Amino acid sequence: MFGKRVSGIESQKREPAPPPSAREPAARVIEAPRPQSIQPPASASNFATAGVPNGAAVAAPPIAPPAPLTVMEGRRSESFYETKGQIFGALIEAIDLTQLSKLDGLQAREEIRDIVNEIIAIKNVVMSISEQEELLEDICNDVLGYGPLEPLLARDDIADIMVNGAGTVYIEVQGKIQKTGIRFRDNQQLHNICQRIVSQIGRRVDESSPICDARLPDGSRVNVIVPPLSIDGPALTIRKFKRDKLTLEQLVKFNTISPEGANLLKVIGRCRVNTLISGGTGSGKTTLLNCLTRYIDDDERIITCEDAAELQLQQPHVVRLESRPPNLEGEGEVKMRDLVRNCLRMRPERIIVGEVRGPEAFDLLQAMNTGHDGSMGTLHANSPREALSRLESMITMGGFQLPPRTIREMVVASIDVIIQVARLRDGTRRITHVTEVVGMEGEVVTTQDLFVYDYLGEDHNGQILGRHRSTGIGHPRFWERARYFGEEANLAAALDASEVIGEPLRG
């Protein structure tokens, strides 16, 4: 099927290899008798996708392995990597990558496995069946997918993948960071994989543009920073999304929020309350935003604006917009503020900003205050009060010459509720505040907590214990809005039920 180039393996004294159509199954190749045991040489050839510009050897999207692989806790031996290097180099010389890119994922994977089995037989490399299967899977992942990252991406229990150079890979599982035995051949292979990821959405990462935000096909968030900014080699961070999208009911099972608190959030989502979700890095802001959007009516037109598209709304009428970095000439950049302003001309009913981090805060507040009720956004802050201060700072830093009081009045008129989420020291995530923006007293924005999380200690396993409770406010500012949407009974029930004394600790 492939036109093979003259390579080192063809110059050896051997019988001519059968054509691809006449190759024997892999198992028979492994069991073929060998005249002697020839160990791989001490130095491996310089293999990698470096033979192809930017590592984009195959344009086809990566194909996940048939079954999820278990992360290897121990490091593989150096001889394994040397053998893999020798075989990979021979593979690159033996196949036509242009023709390979025209096959679908499964056909390309089978073709690579056949050729690698043939190379192993020709070179008389000694390895067990399990080692050969690992080698075959690794090489297929290197050519068609994301190399050593594939087994990690196949696991659904991993929240974050953190690559600190070629030799160090960490993962986050159940809120705890663990070191894995996964490694890359060298920094060039890691850089090629980073380039392959960002090129899928038309972006690049190199010395002239060393920082890049991107996403995987499943929406997982990707950040890449490469030398010279990253001193020890490329640093790759992937925020993975679960295949099964979380719901408020599942957050209740995880004790992120109480059942009464979940009912309160449902009312907020249904009643078109302007909502700001605040929290630190990795606290679950985007997950909570996805959960709240489930309670938006199907007949509403929703427009989302993000730096890297990761929101996964289930409604039928959704328009997704994504900002764009400048090109090599420094032109063509589309900022978040440009997207938010353009939204106003697209007849939106709700505008959702994935993360507010700059001057677009001004345009979002204006949208919330001009008939686009129920708009939502997230930002980084440690408390509801700090979230208001950050909004004011972002507007000021955007060059708007407005008095502080005018900005605060705009915030009060636009934001109805701030939901604060936090990642606690035991790795669990909790919704700690549901806070209402009430008004102003003098120059100060006044707020009131409707729902809070009380820290009550920890158990013998170090798990934090606490409980969610209402603060006793039975008539929030958005009560009339809830009544307009027929949700006042659910709102009152949620606030009243959470005042029960003696609720058991929730850890």
Protein backbone atom coordinates (compact mmCIF):
# COMPACT_ATOMS: atom_id res chain seq x y z
CA MET A 1 0.00 0.00 0.00
CA PHE A 2 2.88 2.35 0.75
CA GLY A 3 5.80 3.26 -1.45
CA LYS A 4 8.82 2.41 0.72
CA ARG A 5 11.97 4.44 0.55
CA VAL A 6 15.46 2.96 0.66
CA SER A 7 16.38 2.61 4.29
CA GLY A 8 18.99 1.16 6.58
CA ILE A 9 17.00 -1.99 7.12
CA GLU A 10 16.88 -2.73 3.39
CA SER A 11 20.65 -2.59 3.10
CA GLN A 12 21.05 -5.53 5.45
CA LYS A 13 21.60 -9.02 4.07
CA ARG A 14 18.21 -10.64 4.35
CA GLU A 15 15.47 -12.27 2.35
CA PRO A 16 13.15 -9.84 0.59
CA ALA A 17 10.17 -8.96 2.81
CA PRO A 18 6.77 -10.11 1.57
CA PRO A 19 4.45 -7.39 0.28
CA PRO A 20 2.03 -5.84 2.82
CA SER A 21 -0.86 -7.92 1.56
CA ALA A 22 1.07 -11.14 2.20
CA ARG A 23 2.39 -10.32 5.65
CA GLU A 24 1.81 -12.85 8.36
CA PRO A 25 -0.12 -12.03 11.52
CA ALA A 26 1.80 -10.32 14.31
CA ALA A 27 1.68 -13.35 16.60
CA ARG A 28 3.35 -15.56 13.98
CA VAL A 29 6.08 -13.00 13.46
CA ILE A 30 6.82 -12.93 17.19
CA GLU A 31 7.01 -16.70 17.43
CA ALA A 32 9.28 -17.15 14.39
CA PRO A 33 12.57 -18.85 15.34
CA ARG A 34 15.59 -16.59 15.50
CA PRO A 35 19.14 -17.73 14.84
CA GLN A 36 20.50 -15.78 17.79
CA SER A 37 19.56 -13.13 20.33
CA ILE A 38 20.70 -9.76 19.11
CA GLN A 39 20.30 -6.99 21.66
CA PRO A 40 19.61 -3.47 20.44
CA PRO A 41 22.65 -1.22 20.10
CA ALA A 42 23.61 1.13 22.92
CA SER A 43 22.83 4.27 20.97
CA ALA A 44 19.47 4.75 19.35
CA SER A 45 19.02 6.60 16.12
CA ASN A 46 17.55 10.06 16.32
CA PHE A 47 13.94 9.17 15.73
CA ALA A 48 10.81 11.29 16.11
CA THR A 49 8.34 13.29 14.22
CA ALA A 50 11.22 15.72 13.85
CA GLY A 51 11.46 14.35 10.30
CA VAL A 52 8.19 16.11 9.63
CA PRO A 53 7.80 19.88 10.18
CA ASN A 54 6.20 20.78 13.50
CA GLY A 55 5.51 17.14 14.22
CA ALA A 56 2.41 17.22 12.04
CA ALA A 57 3.23 13.97 10.28
CA VAL A 58 -0.38 12.92 10.00
CA ALA A 59 -3.24 15.34 9.64
CA ALA A 60 -5.84 12.84 10.81
CA PRO A 61 -7.15 13.41 14.34
CA PRO A 62 -5.74 11.16 17.05
CA ILE A 63 -7.50 7.86 17.56
CA ALA A 64 -7.86 6.65 21.12
CA PRO A 65 -6.62 3.11 21.77
CA PRO A 66 -9.31 0.44 21.81
CA ALA A 67 -9.10 0.00 25.57
CA PRO A 68 -7.90 2.42 28.26
CA LEU A 69 -4.36 1.72 29.32
CA THR A 70 -3.10 1.72 32.87
CA VAL A 71 -0.54 4.37 33.71
CA MET A 72 2.84 2.80 34.33
CA GLU A 73 3.95 3.75 37.80
CA GLY A 74 7.52 2.60 37.27
CA ARG A 75 9.87 3.89 34.64
CA ARG A 76 10.68 1.72 31.68
CA SER A 77 14.26 0.66 31.17
CA GLU A 78 16.65 2.65 29.02
CA SER A 79 17.02 -0.35 26.70
CA PHE A 80 13.28 -0.15 25.95
CA TYR A 81 13.61 3.45 24.80
CA GLU A 82 16.75 2.65 22.80
CA THR A 83 14.95 -0.20 21.04
CA LYS A 84 11.94 2.01 20.42
CA GLY A 85 14.21 4.69 18.96
CA GLN A 86 15.85 2.28 16.55
CA ILE A 87 12.55 0.79 15.37
CA PHE A 88 10.86 4.20 15.10
CA GLY A 89 13.67 5.50 12.92
CA ALA A 90 13.39 2.48 10.63
CA LEU A 91 9.60 2.93 10.49
CA ILE A 92 9.86 6.57 9.41
CA GLU A 93 12.23 5.55 6.62
CA ALA A 94 10.05 2.64 5.52
CA ILE A 95 6.63 4.26 5.14
CA ASP A 96 5.18 7.09 3.13
CA LEU A 97 3.60 9.41 5.67
CA THR A 98 1.64 11.22 2.98
CA GLN A 99 -0.13 8.01 2.00
CA LEU A 100 -0.59 7.06 5.65
CA SER A 101 -2.44 10.32 6.33
CA LYS A 102 -5.08 9.33 3.75
CA LEU A 103 -6.17 6.29 5.77
CA ASP A 104 -8.65 6.39 8.59
CA GLY A 105 -7.36 5.92 12.13
CA LEU A 106 -7.92 2.17 12.47
CA GLN A 107 -6.45 1.33 9.07
CA ALA A 108 -3.40 3.50 9.72
CA ARG A 109 -2.89 1.89 13.13
CA GLU A 110 -3.05 -1.62 11.63
CA GLU A 111 -0.65 -0.69 8.84
CA ILE A 112 1.88 0.70 11.33
CA ARG A 113 1.61 -2.40 13.51
CA ASP A 114 2.26 -4.67 10.52
CA ILE A 115 5.35 -2.75 9.45
CA VAL A 116 6.72 -2.54 13.01
CA ASN A 117 6.27 -6.30 13.45
CA GLU A 118 8.20 -6.83 10.24
CA ILE A 119 11.01 -4.54 11.41
CA ILE A 120 11.22 -6.37 14.73
CA ALA A 121 11.53 -9.71 12.91
CA ILE A 122 14.17 -8.38 10.52
CA LYS A 123 16.29 -6.92 13.30
CA ASN A 124 15.84 -10.00 15.52
CA VAL A 125 15.10 -7.86 18.54
CA VAL A 126 14.47 -9.92 21.68
CA MET A 127 11.44 -8.88 23.71
CA SER A 128 8.44 -10.51 25.30
CA ILE A 129 4.98 -10.41 23.79
CA SER A 130 3.83 -7.86 26.38
CA GLU A 131 6.85 -5.64 25.70
CA GLN A 132 6.20 -5.86 21.99
CA GLU A 133 2.56 -4.86 22.49
CA GLU A 134 3.65 -1.87 24.57
CA LEU A 135 6.14 -0.91 21.88
CA LEU A 136 3.54 -1.21 19.13
CA GLU A 137 1.05 0.90 21.08
CA ASP A 138 3.67 3.55 21.87
CA ILE A 139 4.76 3.90 18.24
CA CYS A 140 1.16 4.08 16.99
CA ASN A 141 0.47 6.81 19.53
CA ASP A 142 3.61 8.70 18.50
CA VAL A 143 2.61 8.71 14.82
CA LEU A 144 -1.19 9.07 15.05
CA GLY A 145 -1.88 10.62 18.44
CA TYR A 146 -0.28 12.43 21.34
CA GLY A 147 2.48 9.95 22.12
CA PRO A 148 3.01 9.13 25.81
CA LEU A 149 -0.04 11.24 26.73
CA GLU A 150 -2.50 8.82 25.12
CA PRO A 151 -2.85 6.42 28.10
CA LEU A 152 -3.42 9.41 30.40
CA LEU A 153 -6.02 10.96 28.11
CA ALA A 154 -7.84 7.60 27.99
CA ARG A 155 -8.42 7.66 31.76
CA ASP A 156 -11.58 9.38 32.94
CA ASP A 157 -10.48 9.76 36.58
CA ILE A 158 -7.70 12.25 35.77
CA ALA A 159 -8.56 15.94 36.14
CA ASP A 160 -5.25 17.52 35.12
CA ILE A 161 -2.13 16.45 33.24
CA MET A 162 0.99 18.52 33.94
CA VAL A 163 4.12 17.97 31.83
CA ASN A 164 7.23 19.73 33.17
CA GLY A 165 9.71 18.97 30.42
CA ALA A 166 10.34 15.65 28.72
CA GLY A 167 11.13 13.61 31.82
CA THR A 168 8.48 14.69 34.34
CA VAL A 169 4.72 14.17 34.11
CA TYR A 170 2.26 14.75 36.97
CA ILE A 171 -1.47 14.05 37.11
CA GLU A 172 -4.27 15.09 39.46
CA VAL A 173 -6.58 12.32 40.66
CA GLN A 174 -9.33 12.98 43.22
CA GLY A 175 -7.88 16.36 44.05
CA LYS A 176 -4.36 15.05 44.74
CA ILE A 177 -1.29 15.50 42.53
CA GLN A 178 0.70 12.35 41.72
CA LYS A 179 3.89 11.77 39.76
CA THR A 180 3.77 9.20 36.96
CA GLY A 181 6.43 7.12 35.24
CA ILE A 182 5.47 8.55 31.86
CA ARG A 183 8.21 10.36 29.95
CA PHE A 184 8.98 11.66 26.48
CA ARG A 185 12.02 10.74 24.42
CA ASP A 186 13.32 14.30 24.59
CA ASN A 187 12.12 17.89 24.57
CA GLN A 188 11.86 17.87 20.78
CA GLN A 189 9.27 15.09 20.85
CA LEU A 190 7.32 16.97 23.52
CA HIS A 191 7.50 20.17 21.46
CA ASN A 192 6.25 18.33 18.38
CA ILE A 193 3.25 16.98 20.29
CA CYS A 194 2.48 20.46 21.65
CA GLN A 195 2.61 21.82 18.11
CA ARG A 196 0.33 19.02 16.91
CA ILE A 197 -2.25 19.91 19.57
CA VAL A 198 -2.36 23.66 18.92
CA SER A 199 -2.23 23.31 15.12
CA GLN A 200 -5.59 21.52 15.16
CA ILE A 201 -7.30 24.84 15.94
CA GLY A 202 -5.07 26.91 13.66
CA ARG A 203 -2.60 28.14 16.26
CA ARG A 204 1.15 27.76 16.67
CA VAL A 205 3.72 27.66 19.43
CA ASP A 206 7.38 28.48 18.80
CA GLU A 207 10.06 30.96 19.83
CA SER A 208 8.20 33.86 18.27
CA SER A 209 4.92 32.85 19.94
CA PRO A 210 5.97 30.82 23.01
CA ILE A 211 2.64 30.90 24.89
CA CYS A 212 -0.54 29.35 23.52
CA ASP A 213 -3.99 28.38 24.77
CA ALA A 214 -5.76 25.63 22.87
CA ARG A 215 -8.22 22.77 23.32
CA LEU A 216 -8.49 19.09 22.52
CA PRO A 217 -11.32 17.75 20.34
CA ASP A 218 -13.30 16.82 23.48
CA GLY A 219 -13.07 20.41 24.79
CA SER A 220 -10.30 19.81 27.33
CA ARG A 221 -8.34 22.99 27.98
CA VAL A 222 -4.66 23.10 26.95
CA ASN A 223 -1.93 25.58 27.84
CA VAL A 224 1.55 25.41 26.32
CA ILE A 225 4.63 27.48 27.10
CA VAL A 226 7.93 26.67 25.40
CA PRO A 227 11.55 27.86 25.59
CA PRO A 228 12.97 30.42 25.96
CA LEU A 229 10.22 31.27 28.46
CA SER A 230 10.09 27.73 29.85
CA ILE A 231 13.66 27.06 30.94
CA ASP A 232 13.58 23.27 31.40
CA GLY A 233 11.78 22.45 28.18
CA PRO A 234 8.16 22.81 27.03
CA ALA A 235 5.55 22.92 29.81
CA LEU A 236 2.18 21.44 28.85
CA THR A 237 -0.93 21.59 31.05
CA ILE A 238 -4.18 19.85 30.14
CA ARG A 239 -7.41 20.36 32.09
CA LYS A 240 -9.37 17.24 31.20
CA PHE A 241 -13.13 17.08 30.99
CA LYS A 242 -15.02 13.98 31.97
CA ARG A 243 -16.79 12.09 29.21
CA ASP A 244 -19.99 12.12 31.28
CA LYS A 245 -20.78 15.76 31.96
CA LEU A 246 -21.39 16.64 35.58
CA THR A 247 -24.79 17.82 36.77
CA LEU A 248 -25.97 19.55 39.93
CA GLU A 249 -27.29 16.21 41.16
CA GLN A 250 -23.79 14.75 40.88
CA LEU A 251 -22.33 17.77 42.66
CA VAL A 252 -24.72 17.00 45.50
CA LYS A 253 -23.39 13.42 45.65
CA PHE A 254 -19.85 14.82 45.83
CA ASN A 255 -21.00 17.14 48.65
CA THR A 256 -19.95 20.15 46.62
CA ILE A 257 -23.34 21.61 47.49
CA SER A 258 -26.28 20.46 49.61
CA PRO A 259 -29.59 19.40 48.00
CA GLU A 260 -31.21 22.63 49.19
CA GLY A 261 -28.34 24.65 47.76
CA ALA A 262 -28.70 22.84 44.45
CA ASN A 263 -32.39 23.79 44.35
CA LEU A 264 -31.40 27.41 44.97
CA LEU A 265 -28.96 27.28 42.04
CA LYS A 266 -31.65 25.77 39.81
CA VAL A 267 -33.92 28.72 40.60
CA ILE A 268 -31.07 31.13 39.79
CA GLY A 269 -30.53 29.41 36.44
CA ARG A 270 -34.19 29.34 35.48
CA CYS A 271 -35.05 32.91 36.54
CA ARG A 272 -32.49 34.62 34.27
CA VAL A 273 -30.51 36.03 37.18
CA ASN A 274 -27.26 37.70 36.10
CA THR A 275 -24.63 35.48 37.66
CA LEU A 276 -20.89 35.71 38.23
CA ILE A 277 -19.01 32.56 39.28
CA SER A 278 -15.86 33.33 41.26
CA GLY A 279 -13.08 31.02 42.43
CA GLY A 280 -9.43 30.11 42.30
CA THR A 281 -7.59 28.05 39.72
CA GLY A 282 -8.95 24.50 39.51
CA SER A 283 -11.85 25.22 41.85
CA GLY A 284 -14.50 24.11 39.34
CA LYS A 285 -15.82 27.39 37.92
CA THR A 286 -16.32 26.12 34.38
CA THR A 287 -17.89 22.88 35.62
CA LEU A 288 -20.40 24.82 37.72
CA LEU A 289 -21.13 27.14 34.79
CA ASN A 290 -21.89 24.12 32.61
CA CYS A 291 -24.21 22.79 35.31
CA LEU A 292 -26.13 26.08 35.57
CA THR A 293 -26.63 26.32 31.82
CA ARG A 294 -28.64 23.07 31.89
CA TYR A 295 -31.55 25.07 33.33
CA ILE A 296 -31.73 27.53 30.45
CA ASP A 297 -34.83 27.06 28.32
CA ASP A 298 -34.37 25.42 24.93
CA ASP A 299 -36.05 28.32 23.11
CA GLU A 300 -33.45 30.88 24.22
CA ARG A 301 -30.65 32.05 21.92
CA ILE A 302 -27.32 31.74 23.74
CA ILE A 303 -23.98 33.13 22.58
CA THR A 304 -20.76 32.06 24.30
CA CYS A 305 -17.42 33.90 24.14
CA GLU A 306 -14.20 32.13 25.17
CA ASP A 307 -10.46 32.25 24.67
CA ALA A 308 -10.42 28.47 24.12
CA ALA A 309 -13.88 26.95 23.61
CA GLU A 310 -14.60 24.58 26.50
CA LEU A 311 -18.21 25.23 27.50
CA GLN A 312 -20.50 22.37 26.54
CA LEU A 313 -24.05 23.61 26.42
CA GLN A 314 -26.84 21.17 25.64
CA GLN A 315 -29.38 23.65 24.27
CA PRO A 316 -30.17 23.55 20.54
CA HIS A 317 -29.76 27.30 19.85
CA VAL A 318 -26.16 28.06 20.81
CA VAL A 319 -23.57 30.14 18.95
CA ARG A 320 -19.98 29.52 20.11
CA LEU A 321 -17.35 32.20 19.55
CA GLU A 322 -13.62 31.95 20.19
CA SER A 323 -10.94 34.65 20.28
CA ARG A 324 -7.92 34.49 17.99
CA PRO A 325 -4.25 35.39 18.60
CA PRO A 326 -2.27 37.46 16.08
CA ASN A 327 -0.53 35.79 13.15
CA LEU A 328 3.18 35.85 12.33
CA GLU A 329 2.91 39.43 11.09
CA GLY A 330 1.21 40.49 14.32
CA GLU A 331 -2.11 41.01 12.57
CA GLY A 332 -5.51 39.37 12.65
CA GLU A 333 -5.93 39.29 16.44
CA VAL A 334 -9.50 39.11 17.70
CA LYS A 335 -9.76 39.89 21.41
CA MET A 336 -12.41 38.79 23.84
CA ARG A 337 -13.78 42.31 24.00
CA ASP A 338 -14.33 42.28 20.24
CA LEU A 339 -16.39 39.09 20.60
CA VAL A 340 -18.50 40.44 23.47
CA ARG A 341 -19.24 43.66 21.60
CA ASN A 342 -20.16 41.73 18.46
CA CYS A 343 -22.56 39.59 20.51
CA LEU A 344 -24.76 42.63 21.02
CA ARG A 345 -25.43 42.69 17.24
CA MET A 346 -26.36 39.00 17.09
CA ARG A 347 -29.72 39.19 18.84
CA PRO A 348 -28.64 37.24 21.95
CA GLU A 349 -30.96 36.44 24.83
CA ARG A 350 -28.10 35.31 27.07
CA ILE A 351 -24.39 36.03 26.77
CA ILE A 352 -21.99 33.66 28.52
CA VAL A 353 -18.33 34.61 28.86
CA GLY A 354 -16.10 31.67 29.70
CA GLU A 355 -13.67 33.77 31.73
CA VAL A 356 -13.62 37.51 32.34
CA ARG A 357 -10.02 38.65 32.59
CA GLY A 358 -9.75 42.07 30.96
CA PRO A 359 -11.60 45.06 29.49
CA GLU A 360 -14.39 42.79 28.24
CA ALA A 361 -15.77 43.08 31.80
CA PHE A 362 -17.12 46.52 30.85
CA ASP A 363 -18.96 45.19 27.80
CA LEU A 364 -20.35 42.22 29.73
CA LEU A 365 -21.75 44.52 32.42
CA GLN A 366 -23.33 46.70 29.76
CA ALA A 367 -24.89 43.64 28.13
CA MET A 368 -26.31 42.49 31.46
CA ASN A 369 -27.79 45.93 32.02
CA THR A 370 -29.35 46.35 28.58
CA GLY A 371 -31.88 43.57 28.28
CA HIS A 372 -29.70 40.44 28.23
CA ASP A 373 -30.88 39.08 31.57
CA GLY A 374 -29.50 35.75 32.69
CA SER A 375 -26.01 36.37 31.31
CA MET A 376 -23.17 34.58 33.09
CA GLY A 377 -19.41 34.64 33.40
CA THR A 378 -16.52 33.44 35.54
CA LEU A 379 -13.48 35.17 37.00
CA HIS A 380 -10.61 34.43 39.37
CA ALA A 381 -11.13 35.72 42.90
CA ASN A 382 -10.96 34.34 46.43
CA SER A 383 -14.24 35.77 47.76
CA PRO A 384 -17.37 37.54 46.48
CA ARG A 385 -16.07 40.86 47.76
CA GLU A 386 -12.77 40.38 45.92
CA ALA A 387 -14.69 39.47 42.78
CA LEU A 388 -16.35 42.90 42.81
CA SER A 389 -12.98 44.58 43.34
CA ARG A 390 -11.47 42.62 40.44
CA LEU A 391 -14.29 43.66 38.15
CA GLU A 392 -13.66 47.30 39.00
CA SER A 393 -9.90 46.86 38.48
CA MET A 394 -10.32 45.19 35.08
CA ILE A 395 -12.56 48.00 33.86
CA THR A 396 -10.11 50.64 35.11
CA MET A 397 -7.12 48.88 33.53
CA GLY A 398 -8.96 48.79 30.22
CA GLY A 399 -8.46 52.54 29.90
CA PHE A 400 -12.01 53.63 30.72
CA GLN A 401 -11.91 57.08 32.30
CA LEU A 402 -14.83 56.56 34.65
CA PRO A 403 -15.16 57.63 38.29
CA PRO A 404 -15.06 54.70 40.74
CA ARG A 405 -18.60 55.39 41.87
CA THR A 406 -19.91 55.16 38.31
CA ILE A 407 -18.23 51.78 37.84
CA ARG A 408 -19.66 50.48 41.13
CA GLU A 409 -23.13 51.68 40.23
CA MET A 410 -22.81 49.80 36.94
CA VAL A 411 -21.75 46.64 38.82
CA VAL A 412 -24.71 46.92 41.20
CA ALA A 413 -27.15 47.43 38.33
CA SER A 414 -25.73 44.47 36.37
CA ILE A 415 -24.67 41.67 38.73
CA ASP A 416 -27.40 39.96 40.76
CA VAL A 417 -25.63 36.96 42.33
CA ILE A 418 -22.03 35.88 42.91
CA ILE A 419 -21.37 32.17 43.44
CA GLN A 420 -18.05 31.43 45.13
CA VAL A 421 -16.38 28.06 44.63
CA ALA A 422 -13.21 26.86 46.35
CA ARG A 423 -10.83 23.96 46.29
CA LEU A 424 -10.10 22.99 49.88
CA ARG A 425 -6.77 21.71 51.17
CA ASP A 426 -7.95 18.08 51.14
CA GLY A 427 -8.56 18.34 47.38
CA THR A 428 -12.36 18.56 47.59
CA ARG A 429 -14.32 21.34 45.92
CA ARG A 430 -17.10 23.23 47.66
CA ILE A 431 -19.50 26.03 46.82
CA THR A 432 -18.75 28.30 49.77
CA HIS A 433 -20.99 31.32 49.13
CA VAL A 434 -24.09 32.29 47.20
CA THR A 435 -24.00 36.06 47.64
CA GLU A 436 -26.45 38.66 46.44
CA VAL A 437 -25.41 42.15 45.32
CA VAL A 438 -27.85 44.44 47.10
CA GLY A 439 -26.93 48.05 46.35
CA MET A 440 -24.68 50.84 47.55
CA GLU A 441 -24.19 52.68 50.78
CA GLY A 442 -22.19 55.76 50.03
CA GLU A 443 -19.21 54.63 47.98
CA VAL A 444 -19.39 50.97 49.07
CA VAL A 445 -21.18 48.14 47.27
CA THR A 446 -23.30 46.20 49.77
CA THR A 447 -23.84 42.45 49.54
CA GLN A 448 -25.64 39.80 51.56
CA ASP A 449 -24.90 36.07 51.81
CA LEU A 450 -27.87 33.83 51.04
CA PHE A 451 -26.05 30.53 51.40
CA VAL A 452 -22.69 29.69 52.98
CA TYR A 453 -20.48 26.72 53.81
CA ASP A 454 -19.36 26.41 57.43
CA TYR A 455 -16.03 24.71 58.17
CA LEU A 456 -16.45 22.47 61.23
CA GLY A 457 -13.21 20.49 61.42
CA GLU A 458 -11.79 17.35 59.84
CA ASP A 459 -12.00 13.60 60.36
CA HIS A 460 -9.22 11.14 61.15
CA ASN A 461 -8.44 10.77 57.43
CA GLY A 462 -7.82 14.47 57.01
CA GLN A 463 -11.07 15.06 55.15
CA ILE A 464 -12.63 18.45 55.86
CA LEU A 465 -16.05 18.41 57.53
CA GLY A 466 -18.60 21.15 57.16
CA ARG A 467 -22.15 21.94 56.16
CA HIS A 468 -24.07 24.27 53.89
CA ARG A 469 -26.70 26.47 55.44
CA SER A 470 -28.93 29.40 54.70
CA THR A 471 -28.16 32.67 56.45
CA GLY A 472 -31.82 33.21 57.32
CA ILE A 473 -32.62 35.73 54.58
CA GLY A 474 -35.99 34.61 53.33
CA HIS A 475 -36.69 37.37 50.79
CA PRO A 476 -33.74 37.89 48.41
CA ARG A 477 -33.52 40.87 46.11
CA PHE A 478 -34.40 38.72 43.08
CA TRP A 479 -37.60 37.46 44.76
CA GLU A 480 -39.82 39.41 42.36
CA ARG A 481 -37.96 37.93 39.41
CA ALA A 482 -38.49 34.44 40.83
CA ARG A 483 -42.19 35.16 41.19
CA TYR A 484 -42.32 36.42 37.61
CA PHE A 485 -40.98 33.05 36.44
CA GLY A 486 -43.18 31.06 38.85
CA GLU A 487 -40.26 29.92 41.01
CA GLU A 488 -40.95 31.77 44.26
CA ALA A 489 -42.24 28.60 45.98
CA ASN A 490 -39.08 26.67 45.07
CA LEU A 491 -36.92 29.59 46.18
CA ALA A 492 -38.66 29.85 49.54
CA ALA A 493 -38.51 26.08 50.06
CA ALA A 494 -34.78 25.95 49.31
CA LEU A 495 -33.97 28.77 51.73
CA ASP A 496 -36.25 27.48 54.49
CA ALA A 497 -35.12 23.85 54.29
CA SER A 498 -31.45 24.78 54.61
CA GLU A 499 -32.06 26.43 57.99
CA VAL A 500 -32.65 23.08 59.72
CA ILE A 501 -30.72 22.88 62.97
CA GLY A 502 -28.62 19.82 63.66
CA GLU A 503 -27.94 18.86 60.05
CA PRO A 504 -25.24 16.13 60.05
CA LEU A 505 -21.74 17.06 59.04
CA ARG A 506 -21.03 16.80 55.34
CA GLY A 507 -17.46 15.83 54.54
